[in-house]
Every structure is written in structure tokens, then in C-alpha cells.
Amino acid sequence: MPQEKKSTYTGQTDARRKANAKYLKEAVEDVRIRVPKGQKAIIKAHAESQEESMNAFVVRAIDETMERDNEE
């Protein structure tokens, strides 16, 4: 049986959960990427070495690449 993910928001009230859901719906979009087996661990380790989350690292990598591509 798969282990359930534990929420990082312990003790959250219903109001806080609703506010978080509203923010996520209005302010952000999801993008799913797929990487070869083993690559996720490499990306995560690199992001941690840069003291950022995997999400922050991927967003930064995309932004920097698009900026560089637009300079050409």
C-alpha cells in the first residue's frame, strides 16, 4: 500500500486551506515535466546545492534559458 504524503501544513484551519486553494487557483499554473529515470534525484540535489526548491530551480532555469534565447 503506498504511503500517504504528509501535509507540510500541520494544524491548518479550514479557512487557511481555502485561502491557499484560492491563491493557487488564481496565481499559479501547473506544468508537468518528465525526465529520464534517475534525473529527478540529480535535479533535486543540484537545486538543494543552490539552496532552492526543485520548483524554484526549474523556473529559474526556464527563465534564464528564455532570456538567453531572446538575446540571439
Protein backbone atom coordinates (compact mmCIF):
# COMPACT_ATOMS: atom_id res chain seq x y z
CA MET A 1 0.00 0.00 0.00
CA PRO A 2 1.50 3.40 -0.97
CA GLN A 3 2.49 5.66 1.86
CA GLU A 4 0.37 8.80 2.14
CA LYS A 5 2.11 12.14 1.79
CA LYS A 6 2.03 14.11 4.99
CA SER A 7 0.98 17.71 4.73
CA THR A 8 3.69 20.25 5.45
CA TYR A 9 0.93 22.46 6.86
CA THR A 10 0.25 21.00 10.26
CA GLY A 11 -2.63 22.41 12.23
CA GLN A 12 -4.11 24.25 9.28
CA THR A 13 -7.61 25.58 9.69
CA ASP A 14 -10.30 25.20 7.04
CA ALA A 15 -10.06 28.92 6.35
CA ARG A 16 -6.31 28.66 5.71
CA ARG A 17 -6.78 25.65 3.41
CA LYS A 18 -9.45 27.53 1.45
CA ALA A 19 -7.25 30.62 1.20
CA ASN A 20 -4.32 28.51 -0.04
CA ALA A 21 -6.52 26.76 -2.62
CA LYS A 22 -7.85 30.14 -3.84
CA TYR A 23 -4.33 31.55 -4.16
CA LEU A 24 -3.11 28.51 -6.10
CA LYS A 25 -6.11 28.68 -8.42
CA GLU A 26 -5.69 32.40 -9.13
CA ALA A 27 -1.92 32.92 -9.05
CA VAL A 28 -0.13 29.86 -10.40
CA GLU A 29 -0.37 27.24 -13.12
CA ASP A 30 0.90 23.68 -13.09
CA VAL A 31 3.37 22.43 -15.67
CA ARG A 32 4.26 18.76 -15.65
CA ILE A 33 7.61 17.63 -16.95
CA ARG A 34 9.02 14.16 -17.38
CA VAL A 35 12.67 13.29 -17.03
CA PRO A 36 14.59 10.04 -17.52
CA LYS A 37 14.79 7.72 -14.51
CA GLY A 38 17.40 8.97 -12.07
CA GLN A 39 17.38 12.54 -13.40
CA LYS A 40 14.93 13.77 -10.76
CA ALA A 41 17.38 12.94 -7.97
CA ILE A 42 20.16 14.77 -9.83
CA ILE A 43 17.96 17.85 -10.34
CA LYS A 44 16.85 17.80 -6.71
CA ALA A 45 20.42 17.51 -5.43
CA HIS A 46 21.54 20.39 -7.64
CA ALA A 47 18.63 22.58 -6.52
CA GLU A 48 19.44 21.84 -2.88
CA SER A 49 23.10 22.70 -3.50
CA GLN A 50 21.86 26.09 -4.73
CA GLU A 51 19.66 26.40 -1.61
CA GLU A 52 16.43 26.45 -3.59
CA SER A 53 13.50 24.15 -4.14
CA MET A 54 13.29 21.97 -7.22
CA ASN A 55 10.41 24.14 -8.42
CA ALA A 56 12.38 27.36 -7.95
CA PHE A 57 15.36 25.85 -9.76
CA VAL A 58 13.29 24.67 -12.74
CA VAL A 59 11.51 28.04 -13.02
CA ARG A 60 14.86 29.84 -12.86
CA ALA A 61 16.38 27.51 -15.47
CA ILE A 62 13.46 28.14 -17.82
CA ASP A 63 13.56 31.93 -17.28
CA GLU A 64 17.33 32.12 -17.83
CA THR A 65 17.17 29.95 -20.95
CA MET A 66 14.35 32.01 -22.48
CA GLU A 67 16.20 35.22 -21.69
CA ARG A 68 19.38 33.86 -23.30
CA ASP A 69 17.45 32.60 -26.34
CA ASN A 70 15.88 36.03 -26.83
CA GLU A 71 19.29 37.72 -26.87
CA GLU A 72 20.31 35.87 -30.03
